[in-house]
Amino acid sequence: MRTKSVLVCSIVLSLGFILPAANLQKIHPLDSSLYRNLATLYILQGKALPSTSLPYNEEEALRLLQQIDQSKLVSKAEQALYASLVQELEPQRKQAGNLGYAIDLTLTTELYTHTNTIDFTAERDWMYGYGKRKSLGNLSFETWPVDSFYSYFELSLMNNFGVLDSFGTTKANEQPNTLYGKAPLTSNVIMVWPNKIENIDLNFPYRAFVSLGSEHWNLQIGRDKLSWGAGKSGNLMISNNMPYQQFARFTTSFERFKYTFASSFYTHPKIHTYASDDNAGSNTQDLLGDGIKMFLAHRVEFRFLQDKVGLAISESMMYQSASGSIDLRFLNPVGFYHNQYIRGNSNSMLVFELDYTPRKALNLYAQIGIDEIAFGEDVPPAANSKPNAFGYLAGVQGAFGISDGVFTYSLEGAYTDPFLYLREPYNKTTQQFGVGYDVIVRVLSHSMENLHYWQGYPYGGDAIVAQLNLGYERPGKVRFEASTLCMVHGVLGIDSIWQLYQGSESLVTTPTTQNPFDSTESGPVSYTLLPSFLVAYTLNKNLSGMAHIAVPMIWNKGNVAKALTYDIQMSIGVTYSL
């Protein structure tokens, strides 16, 4: 028999479809509890995961929620999850004539402290780093001017990336940084030591886009975050590990099928080849940026076997042009990028994903990525052959209700080949750049900094990773999470390169201690153990907070022989929303 709360949720959900101002093109951010709770509810109901290409607009999220049979919400935990999802999707806009709008101000105070100010001094040393820290103040503007159109823009008052000890490097994330480790205690409060007036962030907005659509389709253009896959430690094609992406994305989705086409743009790597006398003056913003690096991808998702199996196939191409030109012949949204045969300008990749829910409360998932494979060519290490590059990720996750809360768990493992995402080095003679799946996000701090990330798996190639997550959540009230990550990483990193085998180089497997194409790149294997703990609470619709503790322990940090080094990092915050 249905409970009163479920009936109320049903009425509210139904009203969402018939209200006169039912513009459903709002895009929910990736840090919304919507995605976590909807996936948990699907698992509890014995269904394959909902679409794993994120984010959703309201229309897609409501349709996914409608796939839940309310008569089967038998536990208090399932009913609480369902009620929280309905509340999350409730329209919050106001009306001024035909114009729907919302203006929200969020104020957050965060403090960050750690114990090791000698070995952990870079942004990348922090688990709660630049892309996760919240702004001191965030003012957002949302508009629904017509039935099919939505826009979002935010103004943020926060600290920027910080001051580095050295400049002009592609490894800004790894350089000693004033705001990320030199001081034992920092905060997100501007102009409070060690923050100075020059540390005020001018890189906003981090979310700003327009969204156009109707029933079953949506087009989003602007800045936001993307994620493709069910991975907890990351995904092989698109992970949520950058401060933002600039992209255009089209989706069309139905009950058992979804198609996504996305294109994201980045700085061309030739920005690093300029000398100091290339008319840069004292400001590296003056450097010419007329090259283009573009990530182009499409993805199809299917559901089978009474909604218990989900299958996704994604293909992408990293397209690169030093002149900034784009050959429009290769922008076919339903073509096959691997058959374009333009290695000089591109690097193609395939990822296959599968998830299976054999019974209620248990889900299995896996990904395999193919970046480079000897197909119809010489096999490594034969002369003129290319190194194979694969990635593998698999996990098990589940949930069960405890009163009106839900306990969740996941255990995931990943293996990436040493040369995954990498390509050939820059050729000074031909001035040709290798096309890798490494990307640059440029931010202004005291100078222009080039933050270097992988487009796919956050730890790149040459890694073996295992991660255990345990959590308990009372939706809309409190959440506890404990996780432990174990990683073995070889010497190959984001700046490593490969060349064609000449028959004399040795094959390498993960983890490596030597790059066969670069004798200067060698060292011991690095071992990481990273336990972390999170508590997040919501007192009411205006006040919430969190506390996060991480204890990274690393042997041979940076692939340099050294004993165990560790840090204790704590981040706490309180948020008030008006």
Protein backbone atom coordinates (compact mmCIF):
# COMPACT_ATOMS: atom_id res chain seq x y z
CA MET A 1 0.00 0.00 0.00
CA ARG A 2 1.39 3.40 -0.93
CA THR A 3 2.38 5.75 1.82
CA LYS A 4 1.12 9.31 2.08
CA SER A 5 4.54 10.72 1.15
CA VAL A 6 4.69 8.66 -2.05
CA LEU A 7 1.22 9.84 -3.07
CA VAL A 8 2.19 13.46 -2.48
CA CYS A 9 5.34 12.95 -4.57
CA SER A 10 3.25 11.45 -7.37
CA ILE A 11 0.97 14.49 -7.42
CA VAL A 12 3.90 16.93 -7.45
CA LEU A 13 5.65 14.99 -10.20
CA SER A 14 2.51 14.93 -12.33
CA LEU A 15 1.99 18.66 -11.86
CA GLY A 16 5.52 19.24 -13.16
CA PHE A 17 4.37 18.10 -16.58
CA ILE A 18 1.16 20.13 -16.83
CA LEU A 19 2.09 23.49 -15.33
CA PRO A 20 1.69 26.25 -17.94
CA ALA A 21 5.31 27.40 -17.53
CA ALA A 22 6.74 23.88 -17.82
CA ASN A 23 10.08 24.75 -19.40
CA LEU A 24 12.20 21.68 -18.64
CA GLN A 25 15.56 22.73 -20.11
CA LYS A 26 17.36 23.54 -16.86
CA ILE A 27 20.70 21.67 -16.61
CA HIS A 28 21.52 20.23 -13.19
CA PRO A 29 25.20 20.50 -12.14
CA LEU A 30 27.28 17.37 -11.65
CA ASP A 31 27.63 17.94 -7.90
CA SER A 32 23.85 17.70 -7.48
CA SER A 33 22.60 14.82 -5.33
CA LEU A 34 20.21 14.07 -8.20
CA TYR A 35 22.68 11.81 -10.00
CA ARG A 36 23.86 9.89 -6.94
CA ASN A 37 20.36 9.30 -5.57
CA LEU A 38 18.79 8.39 -8.90
CA ALA A 39 21.47 5.78 -9.59
CA THR A 40 21.02 4.34 -6.08
CA LEU A 41 17.25 4.14 -6.53
CA TYR A 42 17.66 2.32 -9.86
CA ILE A 43 19.97 -0.23 -8.23
CA LEU A 44 17.56 -0.77 -5.33
CA GLN A 45 14.79 -1.38 -7.86
CA GLY A 46 16.85 -3.98 -9.74
CA LYS A 47 17.40 -1.80 -12.83
CA ALA A 48 20.50 -1.09 -14.85
CA LEU A 49 21.97 2.33 -14.15
CA PRO A 50 20.21 5.37 -15.60
CA SER A 51 22.09 7.14 -18.39
CA THR A 52 25.74 7.62 -17.43
CA SER A 53 26.36 10.52 -19.82
CA LEU A 54 25.95 13.55 -17.57
CA PRO A 55 24.59 16.14 -16.95
CA TYR A 56 20.81 15.83 -17.45
CA ASN A 57 18.30 18.50 -18.21
CA GLU A 58 15.01 18.48 -16.23
CA GLU A 59 13.07 16.78 -19.01
CA GLU A 60 15.44 13.81 -19.11
CA ALA A 61 15.69 13.59 -15.32
CA LEU A 62 11.90 13.55 -14.90
CA ARG A 63 11.54 10.92 -17.59
CA LEU A 64 14.16 8.74 -15.88
CA LEU A 65 12.34 9.14 -12.57
CA GLN A 66 9.06 8.17 -14.25
CA GLN A 67 10.61 4.78 -15.08
CA ILE A 68 10.42 3.93 -11.37
CA ASP A 69 7.26 2.02 -10.48
CA GLN A 70 6.01 3.83 -7.38
CA SER A 71 4.03 0.77 -6.22
CA LYS A 72 7.39 -1.02 -5.75
CA LEU A 73 8.86 1.54 -3.38
CA VAL A 74 8.48 -0.82 -0.45
CA SER A 75 11.15 0.45 1.96
CA LYS A 76 11.39 3.75 3.79
CA ALA A 77 14.80 4.32 2.17
CA GLU A 78 13.38 4.00 -1.36
CA GLN A 79 10.51 6.32 -0.51
CA ALA A 80 12.93 8.87 0.97
CA LEU A 81 15.13 8.72 -2.14
CA TYR A 82 12.12 9.17 -4.40
CA ALA A 83 10.84 12.13 -2.34
CA SER A 84 14.25 13.82 -2.40
CA LEU A 85 14.43 13.47 -6.19
CA VAL A 86 10.99 14.98 -6.63
CA GLN A 87 11.99 17.86 -4.38
CA GLU A 88 15.22 18.38 -6.34
CA LEU A 89 13.26 18.59 -9.59
CA GLU A 90 10.58 20.93 -8.25
CA PRO A 91 10.51 24.23 -10.21
CA GLN A 92 12.05 27.09 -8.21
CA ARG A 93 11.55 29.92 -10.68
CA LYS A 94 9.57 33.11 -10.34
CA GLN A 95 7.49 34.74 -13.04
CA ALA A 96 7.62 38.29 -14.39
CA GLY A 97 4.98 38.16 -17.08
CA ASN A 98 6.11 35.47 -19.52
CA LEU A 99 9.68 35.53 -18.22
CA GLY A 100 10.70 32.87 -15.72
CA TYR A 101 13.75 33.73 -13.66
CA ALA A 102 15.68 32.82 -10.52
CA ILE A 103 18.42 34.74 -8.71
CA ASP A 104 20.32 32.91 -5.99
CA LEU A 105 23.10 34.03 -3.69
CA THR A 106 25.20 31.41 -1.92
CA LEU A 107 27.78 32.30 0.73
CA THR A 108 30.36 29.71 1.79
CA THR A 109 33.20 29.85 4.29
CA GLU A 110 35.82 27.09 3.97
CA LEU A 111 39.00 26.45 5.94
CA TYR A 112 41.86 24.21 4.75
CA THR A 113 44.64 22.89 6.95
CA HIS A 114 47.35 20.27 6.55
CA THR A 115 50.42 19.05 8.39
CA ASN A 116 53.14 18.53 5.74
CA THR A 117 54.23 21.89 4.32
CA ILE A 118 57.44 20.45 2.84
CA ASP A 119 56.38 17.55 0.60
CA PHE A 120 52.74 18.49 -0.15
CA THR A 121 52.89 22.03 -1.51
CA ALA A 122 51.21 21.78 -4.94
CA GLU A 123 47.56 21.94 -5.95
CA ARG A 124 47.69 18.36 -7.27
CA ASP A 125 48.78 17.18 -3.80
CA TRP A 126 45.34 18.11 -2.45
CA MET A 127 42.41 15.76 -2.76
CA TYR A 128 40.12 18.76 -2.14
CA GLY A 129 41.81 20.96 -4.73
CA TYR A 130 41.13 23.88 -7.06
CA GLY A 131 38.24 22.31 -8.95
CA LYS A 132 36.38 21.28 -5.75
CA ARG A 133 36.79 24.27 -3.44
CA LYS A 134 33.75 26.53 -3.25
CA SER A 135 33.67 30.26 -3.79
CA LEU A 136 33.20 32.68 -0.91
CA GLY A 137 30.17 34.08 -2.71
CA ASN A 138 28.30 32.86 -5.76
CA LEU A 139 25.53 34.85 -7.44
CA SER A 140 23.65 32.90 -10.12
CA PHE A 141 21.16 34.11 -12.71
CA GLU A 142 18.75 31.71 -14.39
CA THR A 143 16.18 32.62 -17.05
CA TRP A 144 13.39 30.76 -18.81
CA PRO A 145 12.39 33.36 -21.46
CA VAL A 146 10.41 30.96 -23.70
CA ASP A 147 9.19 27.38 -23.40
CA SER A 148 12.24 25.81 -25.04
CA PHE A 149 15.07 28.05 -23.82
CA TYR A 150 17.05 28.27 -20.56
CA SER A 151 20.20 30.18 -19.63
CA TYR A 152 22.51 30.10 -16.62
CA PHE A 153 25.27 32.52 -15.58
CA GLU A 154 27.15 32.89 -12.31
CA LEU A 155 29.41 35.48 -10.73
CA SER A 156 31.90 34.03 -8.24
CA LEU A 157 33.98 35.76 -5.59
CA MET A 158 36.83 33.43 -4.76
CA ASN A 159 40.59 32.94 -4.74
CA ASN A 160 42.37 32.08 -7.95
CA PHE A 161 44.81 29.24 -8.62
CA GLY A 162 47.54 30.91 -6.58
CA VAL A 163 51.16 32.02 -6.93
CA LEU A 164 53.77 29.58 -8.22
CA ASP A 165 57.50 29.43 -7.55
CA SER A 166 58.28 29.19 -11.28
CA PHE A 167 56.54 30.10 -14.52
CA GLY A 168 56.17 28.95 -18.10
CA THR A 169 55.66 25.28 -17.34
CA THR A 170 53.00 22.85 -18.52
CA LYS A 171 53.00 21.37 -15.01
CA ALA A 172 51.50 24.29 -13.11
CA ASN A 173 49.41 21.82 -11.10
CA GLU A 174 52.59 20.26 -9.72
CA GLN A 175 54.53 23.44 -8.85
CA PRO A 176 54.83 24.72 -5.26
CA ASN A 177 51.89 27.03 -4.70
CA THR A 178 51.28 29.66 -2.05
CA LEU A 179 47.61 28.77 -1.59
CA TYR A 180 48.05 24.98 -1.71
CA GLY A 181 50.48 23.87 0.92
CA LYS A 182 53.12 26.40 1.90
CA ALA A 183 50.95 27.64 4.75
CA PRO A 184 49.49 25.15 7.24
CA LEU A 185 46.16 27.03 7.32
CA THR A 186 44.34 28.78 4.45
CA SER A 187 40.76 29.66 3.63
CA ASN A 188 38.51 30.70 0.77
CA VAL A 189 38.06 34.15 2.36
CA ILE A 190 39.60 36.73 0.05
CA MET A 191 42.41 39.02 1.28
CA VAL A 192 42.86 37.09 4.52
CA TRP A 193 46.45 35.82 4.86
CA PRO A 194 47.98 34.18 2.94
CA ASN A 195 45.39 35.33 0.40
CA LYS A 196 46.09 38.75 -1.09
CA ILE A 197 44.17 41.11 -3.33
CA GLU A 198 46.02 39.75 -6.38
CA ASN A 199 44.65 36.30 -5.53
CA ILE A 200 41.05 37.30 -6.28
CA ASP A 201 39.83 35.04 -9.06
CA LEU A 202 39.04 36.64 -12.43
CA ASN A 203 38.42 33.35 -14.25
CA PHE A 204 34.67 33.27 -13.65
CA PRO A 205 32.17 32.14 -14.75
CA TYR A 206 32.76 28.44 -14.12
CA ARG A 207 29.19 27.64 -15.18
CA ALA A 208 27.65 29.72 -17.96
CA PHE A 209 25.63 28.30 -20.83
CA VAL A 210 22.43 28.30 -22.81
CA SER A 211 20.17 25.27 -23.09
CA LEU A 212 17.68 24.79 -25.92
CA GLY A 213 15.36 21.83 -26.35
CA SER A 214 12.01 20.16 -26.21
CA GLU A 215 10.68 16.70 -25.50
CA HIS A 216 13.43 14.07 -25.99
CA TRP A 217 16.21 16.44 -27.12
CA ASN A 218 18.50 19.16 -25.76
CA LEU A 219 21.33 21.38 -27.01
CA GLN A 220 23.71 22.91 -24.45
CA ILE A 221 26.45 25.43 -25.34
CA GLY A 222 28.87 27.08 -22.91
CA ARG A 223 30.89 26.24 -19.79
CA ASP A 224 30.00 23.38 -17.49
CA LYS A 225 31.30 19.98 -16.42
CA LEU A 226 30.82 16.66 -18.23
CA SER A 227 31.13 13.00 -17.23
CA TRP A 228 30.67 9.81 -19.29
CA GLY A 229 30.59 6.56 -17.36
CA ALA A 230 29.84 4.92 -14.01
CA GLY A 231 33.43 5.02 -12.70
CA LYS A 232 34.05 6.19 -9.13
CA SER A 233 37.79 6.89 -9.54
CA GLY A 234 37.24 8.33 -13.02
CA ASN A 235 36.17 7.32 -16.53
CA LEU A 236 38.23 6.34 -19.55
CA MET A 237 36.85 8.91 -22.03
CA ILE A 238 35.45 11.88 -20.08
CA SER A 239 36.01 12.38 -16.35
CA ASN A 240 34.82 15.16 -14.09
CA ASN A 241 38.34 16.24 -13.12
CA MET A 242 38.72 19.74 -14.62
CA PRO A 243 37.49 23.09 -13.26
CA TYR A 244 35.21 23.33 -16.32
CA GLN A 245 34.95 22.46 -19.99
CA GLN A 246 33.89 24.70 -22.88
CA PHE A 247 31.69 22.69 -25.18
CA ALA A 248 28.63 22.21 -27.31
CA ARG A 249 26.55 19.10 -26.59
CA PHE A 250 23.47 17.63 -28.25
CA THR A 251 21.45 14.79 -26.71
CA THR A 252 18.35 12.91 -27.73
CA SER A 253 17.03 10.29 -25.33
CA PHE A 254 14.19 7.79 -25.04
CA GLU A 255 13.25 4.97 -22.70
CA ARG A 256 15.82 2.52 -24.06
CA PHE A 257 18.08 4.65 -26.24
CA LYS A 258 20.18 7.80 -25.91
CA TYR A 259 22.49 9.55 -28.35
CA THR A 260 25.01 12.25 -27.37
CA PHE A 261 27.26 14.37 -29.55
CA ALA A 262 29.80 16.65 -27.84
CA SER A 263 32.63 18.93 -28.87
CA SER A 264 34.98 20.59 -26.39
CA PHE A 265 37.71 23.12 -27.21
CA TYR A 266 41.17 23.56 -25.65
CA THR A 267 44.39 25.55 -26.05
CA HIS A 268 46.76 24.27 -28.74
CA PRO A 269 50.03 22.86 -27.29
CA LYS A 270 52.15 25.21 -29.41
CA ILE A 271 51.49 27.86 -26.74
CA HIS A 272 54.43 26.21 -24.91
CA THR A 273 56.91 26.49 -27.79
CA TYR A 274 57.11 30.28 -27.75
CA ALA A 275 60.34 31.79 -26.52
CA SER A 276 60.41 34.68 -24.09
CA ASP A 277 61.04 37.16 -26.93
CA ASP A 278 57.94 36.19 -28.93
CA ASN A 279 56.29 39.56 -28.32
CA ALA A 280 54.95 38.34 -24.99
CA GLY A 281 56.23 41.26 -22.96
CA SER A 282 55.61 40.72 -19.27
CA ASN A 283 52.17 39.18 -19.81
CA THR A 284 51.83 35.73 -21.34
CA GLN A 285 48.28 36.61 -22.41
CA ASP A 286 50.01 38.32 -25.36
CA LEU A 287 51.19 34.99 -26.78
CA LEU A 288 49.50 34.08 -30.02
CA GLY A 289 46.81 31.44 -29.48
CA ASP A 290 45.70 30.83 -33.04
CA GLY A 291 46.00 27.02 -32.98
CA ILE A 292 43.10 24.76 -32.12
CA LYS A 293 42.70 21.55 -30.17
CA MET A 294 39.21 20.10 -30.26
CA PHE A 295 37.71 17.05 -28.61
CA LEU A 296 34.92 15.58 -30.72
CA ALA A 297 32.87 12.60 -29.50
CA HIS A 298 29.62 10.75 -29.98
CA ARG A 299 27.98 8.12 -27.81
CA VAL A 300 25.05 5.74 -27.99
CA GLU A 301 23.41 4.04 -25.00
CA PHE A 302 20.99 1.09 -24.99
CA ARG A 303 19.00 -0.83 -22.36
CA PHE A 304 18.19 -4.57 -22.63
CA LEU A 305 16.77 -7.62 -20.82
CA GLN A 306 13.90 -6.16 -18.82
CA ASP A 307 15.95 -3.04 -18.03
CA LYS A 308 18.74 -5.01 -16.31
CA VAL A 309 21.56 -4.38 -18.81
CA GLY A 310 22.95 -1.08 -20.03
CA LEU A 311 25.39 -0.79 -22.94
CA ALA A 312 27.20 2.34 -24.11
CA ILE A 313 29.59 2.78 -27.04
CA SER A 314 31.59 6.00 -27.27
CA GLU A 315 33.96 7.12 -29.99
CA SER A 316 36.04 10.27 -29.86
CA MET A 317 38.63 12.15 -31.86
CA MET A 318 41.09 14.69 -30.50
CA TYR A 319 41.53 17.01 -33.49
CA GLN A 320 44.46 19.40 -33.64
CA SER A 321 45.50 22.13 -36.07
CA ALA A 322 48.39 24.54 -35.58
CA SER A 323 46.85 27.02 -38.04
CA GLY A 324 43.48 27.02 -36.28
CA SER A 325 41.65 25.62 -39.30
CA ILE A 326 38.98 22.92 -39.08
CA ASP A 327 38.30 20.52 -41.93
CA LEU A 328 34.51 20.33 -41.88
CA ARG A 329 34.56 16.96 -43.69
CA PHE A 330 35.51 15.30 -40.41
CA LEU A 331 32.77 16.78 -38.20
CA ASN A 332 30.17 14.15 -39.08
CA PRO A 333 28.16 13.52 -35.86
CA VAL A 334 27.27 9.97 -36.96
CA GLY A 335 30.44 9.05 -38.87
CA PHE A 336 33.28 6.76 -37.79
CA TYR A 337 36.31 8.81 -36.78
CA HIS A 338 38.71 5.89 -37.05
CA ASN A 339 38.10 5.74 -40.79
CA GLN A 340 39.13 9.33 -41.47
CA TYR A 341 42.84 8.36 -41.72
CA ILE A 342 44.18 11.75 -40.57
CA ARG A 343 46.73 10.75 -37.93
CA GLY A 344 48.65 13.98 -38.50
CA ASN A 345 45.69 15.95 -37.17
CA SER A 346 43.88 13.55 -34.88
CA ASN A 347 43.92 10.75 -32.35
CA SER A 348 40.85 8.50 -32.16
CA MET A 349 39.63 6.38 -29.26
CA LEU A 350 36.85 3.85 -28.59
CA VAL A 351 35.31 3.05 -25.21
CA PHE A 352 32.81 0.24 -24.55
CA GLU A 353 30.79 0.30 -21.32
CA LEU A 354 28.50 -2.31 -19.81
CA ASP A 355 26.54 -2.43 -16.59
CA TYR A 356 24.36 -5.26 -15.28
CA THR A 357 22.04 -5.46 -12.29
CA PRO A 358 21.51 -9.22 -11.73
CA ARG A 359 19.21 -8.64 -8.74
CA LYS A 360 17.94 -5.82 -6.60
CA ALA A 361 20.60 -3.84 -4.73
CA LEU A 362 23.57 -5.14 -6.78
CA ASN A 363 25.14 -3.66 -9.91
CA LEU A 364 28.23 -4.64 -11.91
CA TYR A 365 29.89 -2.27 -14.40
CA ALA A 366 32.92 -2.23 -16.70
CA GLN A 367 34.70 -0.11 -19.30
CA ILE A 368 37.35 -0.90 -21.89
CA GLY A 369 39.14 1.84 -23.81
CA ILE A 370 41.09 1.36 -27.04
CA ASP A 371 43.46 4.18 -27.88
CA GLU A 372 46.12 2.46 -29.97
CA ILE A 373 46.09 -1.08 -31.38
CA ALA A 374 48.15 -2.85 -34.02
CA PHE A 375 45.49 -3.67 -36.61
CA GLY A 376 46.77 -4.56 -40.05
CA GLU A 377 50.16 -3.14 -39.08
CA ASP A 378 53.44 -4.39 -37.65
CA VAL A 379 53.21 -5.64 -34.07
CA PRO A 380 55.43 -4.12 -31.31
CA PRO A 381 58.37 -4.22 -30.94
CA ALA A 382 58.87 -4.71 -34.69
CA ALA A 383 60.43 -1.76 -36.49
CA ASN A 384 57.99 1.08 -37.38
CA SER A 385 55.28 -0.27 -35.09
CA LYS A 386 53.35 1.74 -32.51
CA PRO A 387 52.86 0.79 -28.85
CA ASN A 388 49.47 -0.62 -27.95
CA ALA A 389 47.43 1.48 -25.53
CA PHE A 390 44.37 0.11 -23.69
CA GLY A 391 42.51 1.00 -20.53
CA TYR A 392 40.32 -1.26 -18.36
CA LEU A 393 37.97 -0.39 -15.52
CA ALA A 394 35.48 -2.58 -13.62
CA GLY A 395 33.55 -2.43 -10.40
CA VAL A 396 30.74 -3.72 -8.24
CA GLN A 397 28.36 -1.47 -6.34
CA GLY A 398 25.29 -1.97 -4.21
CA ALA A 399 22.91 -0.45 -1.71
CA PHE A 400 20.43 -1.41 1.00
CA GLY A 401 18.07 0.60 3.16
CA ILE A 402 18.52 1.27 6.86
CA SER A 403 15.36 2.94 8.17
CA ASP A 404 14.85 6.07 6.04
CA GLY A 405 18.53 6.12 5.02
CA VAL A 406 20.52 4.11 2.51
CA PHE A 407 23.92 2.41 2.84
CA THR A 408 25.98 2.24 -0.37
CA TYR A 409 29.23 0.52 -1.27
CA SER A 410 31.46 0.13 -4.32
CA LEU A 411 34.72 -1.62 -5.11
CA GLU A 412 36.46 -0.61 -8.32
CA GLY A 413 39.67 -1.50 -10.10
CA ALA A 414 41.39 0.10 -13.11
CA TYR A 415 44.40 -0.75 -15.25
CA THR A 416 45.86 1.56 -17.89
CA ASP A 417 48.62 0.73 -20.35
CA PRO A 418 51.80 2.87 -20.15
CA PHE A 419 51.18 4.78 -23.40
CA LEU A 420 47.42 5.32 -23.04
CA TYR A 421 46.43 8.87 -24.19
CA LEU A 422 50.00 9.69 -25.35
CA ARG A 423 51.32 10.42 -28.85
CA GLU A 424 54.53 11.35 -30.67
CA PRO A 425 56.70 14.29 -29.55
CA TYR A 426 56.88 17.70 -31.22
CA ASN A 427 58.92 17.55 -34.45
CA LYS A 428 61.06 20.70 -34.73
CA THR A 429 61.76 20.06 -38.41
CA THR A 430 58.17 19.69 -39.55
CA GLN A 431 56.75 21.77 -36.65
CA GLN A 432 54.17 19.02 -36.19
CA PHE A 433 52.71 18.31 -32.76
CA GLY A 434 51.69 14.89 -31.51
CA VAL A 435 47.98 14.68 -30.68
CA GLY A 436 47.51 13.37 -27.15
CA TYR A 437 44.48 13.22 -24.87
CA ASP A 438 46.14 15.68 -22.49
CA VAL A 439 44.44 19.08 -22.39
CA ILE A 440 45.20 22.55 -21.05
CA VAL A 441 42.92 24.82 -19.06
CA ARG A 442 44.44 28.33 -18.92
CA VAL A 443 43.74 30.39 -15.82
CA LEU A 444 44.93 33.80 -14.72
CA SER A 445 46.51 34.03 -11.28
CA HIS A 446 49.53 36.34 -10.96
CA SER A 447 50.33 35.25 -14.53
CA MET A 448 48.73 32.92 -17.06
CA GLU A 449 49.00 29.35 -15.77
CA ASN A 450 48.52 26.29 -17.94
CA LEU A 451 46.73 23.65 -15.88
CA HIS A 452 47.38 20.23 -17.39
CA TYR A 453 44.76 17.47 -17.21
CA TRP A 454 43.86 14.20 -18.86
CA GLN A 455 40.63 14.34 -20.86
CA GLY A 456 39.95 10.77 -19.74
CA TYR A 457 41.10 8.83 -16.67
CA PRO A 458 42.42 11.34 -14.07
CA TYR A 459 45.55 9.26 -13.34
CA GLY A 460 46.41 8.74 -17.01
CA GLY A 461 48.28 5.72 -18.27
CA ASP A 462 50.83 3.51 -16.48
CA ALA A 463 48.54 3.12 -13.46
CA ILE A 464 46.90 0.35 -11.46
CA VAL A 465 44.16 1.66 -9.19
CA ALA A 466 41.76 0.13 -6.67
CA GLN A 467 39.16 2.15 -4.79
CA LEU A 468 36.71 1.19 -2.05
CA ASN A 469 33.77 3.49 -1.20
CA LEU A 470 31.39 3.12 1.73
CA GLY A 471 28.59 5.56 2.48
CA TYR A 472 25.41 6.20 4.38
CA GLU A 473 22.90 8.90 3.47
CA ARG A 474 19.60 10.19 4.72
CA PRO A 475 18.50 12.09 1.61
CA GLY A 476 18.30 15.81 2.15
CA LYS A 477 19.65 15.55 5.72
CA VAL A 478 23.06 13.98 6.27
CA ARG A 479 25.65 12.02 4.33
CA PHE A 480 28.72 10.04 5.49
CA GLU A 481 31.30 8.64 3.11
CA ALA A 482 34.59 6.79 3.62
CA SER A 483 36.86 5.80 0.75
CA THR A 484 40.29 4.29 0.27
CA LEU A 485 42.27 4.52 -2.95
CA CYS A 486 45.33 2.38 -3.62
CA MET A 487 47.47 3.18 -6.67
CA VAL A 488 50.62 1.85 -8.27
CA HIS A 489 52.02 4.27 -10.88
CA GLY A 490 54.98 3.92 -13.23
CA VAL A 491 57.25 6.71 -14.48
CA LEU A 492 55.22 7.65 -17.57
CA GLY A 493 53.20 10.79 -17.05
CA ILE A 494 51.32 13.55 -18.82
CA ASP A 495 54.45 14.91 -20.55
CA SER A 496 55.81 11.52 -21.64
CA ILE A 497 56.11 10.70 -25.33
CA TRP A 498 56.54 7.69 -27.57
CA GLN A 499 58.07 7.16 -30.99
CA LEU A 500 57.90 4.32 -33.47
CA TYR A 501 59.62 1.14 -32.35
CA GLN A 502 62.83 0.41 -34.24
CA GLY A 503 63.09 -3.22 -33.14
CA SER A 504 65.64 -2.51 -30.41
CA GLU A 505 63.42 -1.05 -27.69
CA SER A 506 61.95 -3.31 -25.04
CA LEU A 507 58.22 -3.72 -24.46
CA VAL A 508 57.01 -2.19 -21.22
CA THR A 509 54.04 -3.05 -19.06
CA THR A 510 52.37 -1.21 -16.20
CA PRO A 511 53.99 -0.12 -13.93
CA THR A 512 57.12 1.03 -15.78
CA THR A 513 60.48 2.08 -14.44
CA GLN A 514 61.89 3.21 -17.83
CA ASN A 515 60.51 4.87 -20.96
CA PRO A 516 62.05 2.88 -23.85
CA PHE A 517 61.89 6.00 -26.06
CA ASP A 518 63.43 8.40 -23.55
CA SER A 519 66.48 7.27 -21.57
CA THR A 520 66.19 10.26 -19.23
CA GLU A 521 62.76 9.16 -18.02
CA SER A 522 63.32 6.49 -15.42
CA GLY A 523 62.80 5.91 -11.73
CA PRO A 524 61.15 3.70 -9.15
CA VAL A 525 57.46 2.82 -9.10
CA SER A 526 55.31 5.10 -6.94
CA TYR A 527 52.82 3.65 -4.43
CA THR A 528 49.88 5.61 -3.02
CA LEU A 529 47.43 4.84 -0.23
CA LEU A 530 44.73 7.48 0.16
CA PRO A 531 41.99 7.12 2.79
CA SER A 532 39.45 9.93 3.01
CA PHE A 533 36.32 10.75 5.00
CA LEU A 534 33.41 13.08 4.28
CA VAL A 535 30.52 14.32 6.40
CA ALA A 536 27.92 16.57 4.75
CA TYR A 537 24.76 17.82 6.41
CA THR A 538 21.74 19.97 5.61
CA LEU A 539 20.03 21.74 8.50
CA ASN A 540 17.36 23.37 6.35
CA LYS A 541 16.91 24.69 2.81
CA ASN A 542 19.27 27.58 3.58
CA LEU A 543 22.05 26.14 5.76
CA SER A 544 24.41 23.24 5.07
CA GLY A 545 27.98 22.25 5.76
CA MET A 546 30.69 19.65 5.29
CA ALA A 547 33.93 18.30 6.76
CA HIS A 548 36.48 16.41 4.65
CA ILE A 549 39.63 14.64 5.82
CA ALA A 550 42.23 13.00 3.55
CA VAL A 551 45.48 11.27 4.53
CA PRO A 552 47.61 10.73 1.38
CA MET A 553 50.50 8.32 1.99
CA ILE A 554 53.01 7.98 -0.86
CA TRP A 555 56.13 5.90 -1.31
CA ASN A 556 58.56 7.19 -3.99
CA LYS A 557 56.52 10.36 -4.49
CA GLY A 558 57.02 11.74 -7.99
CA ASN A 559 58.78 8.48 -8.96
CA VAL A 560 61.85 9.59 -7.04
CA ALA A 561 63.32 7.11 -4.56
CA LYS A 562 62.24 8.16 -1.07
CA ALA A 563 60.66 6.63 1.99
CA LEU A 564 57.03 7.03 2.95
CA THR A 565 55.81 10.62 3.02
CA TYR A 566 52.33 11.55 4.15
CA ASP A 567 50.04 14.47 4.88
CA ILE A 568 46.89 15.01 6.91
CA GLN A 569 44.52 17.35 5.08
CA MET A 570 41.30 18.75 6.51
CA SER A 571 38.70 20.94 4.81
CA ILE A 572 35.58 22.24 6.55
CA GLY A 573 32.88 24.52 5.24
CA VAL A 574 29.52 26.12 5.98
CA THR A 575 27.15 27.28 3.23
CA TYR A 576 24.23 29.67 3.51
CA SER A 577 21.86 30.09 0.56
CA LEU A 578 19.52 33.05 0.17
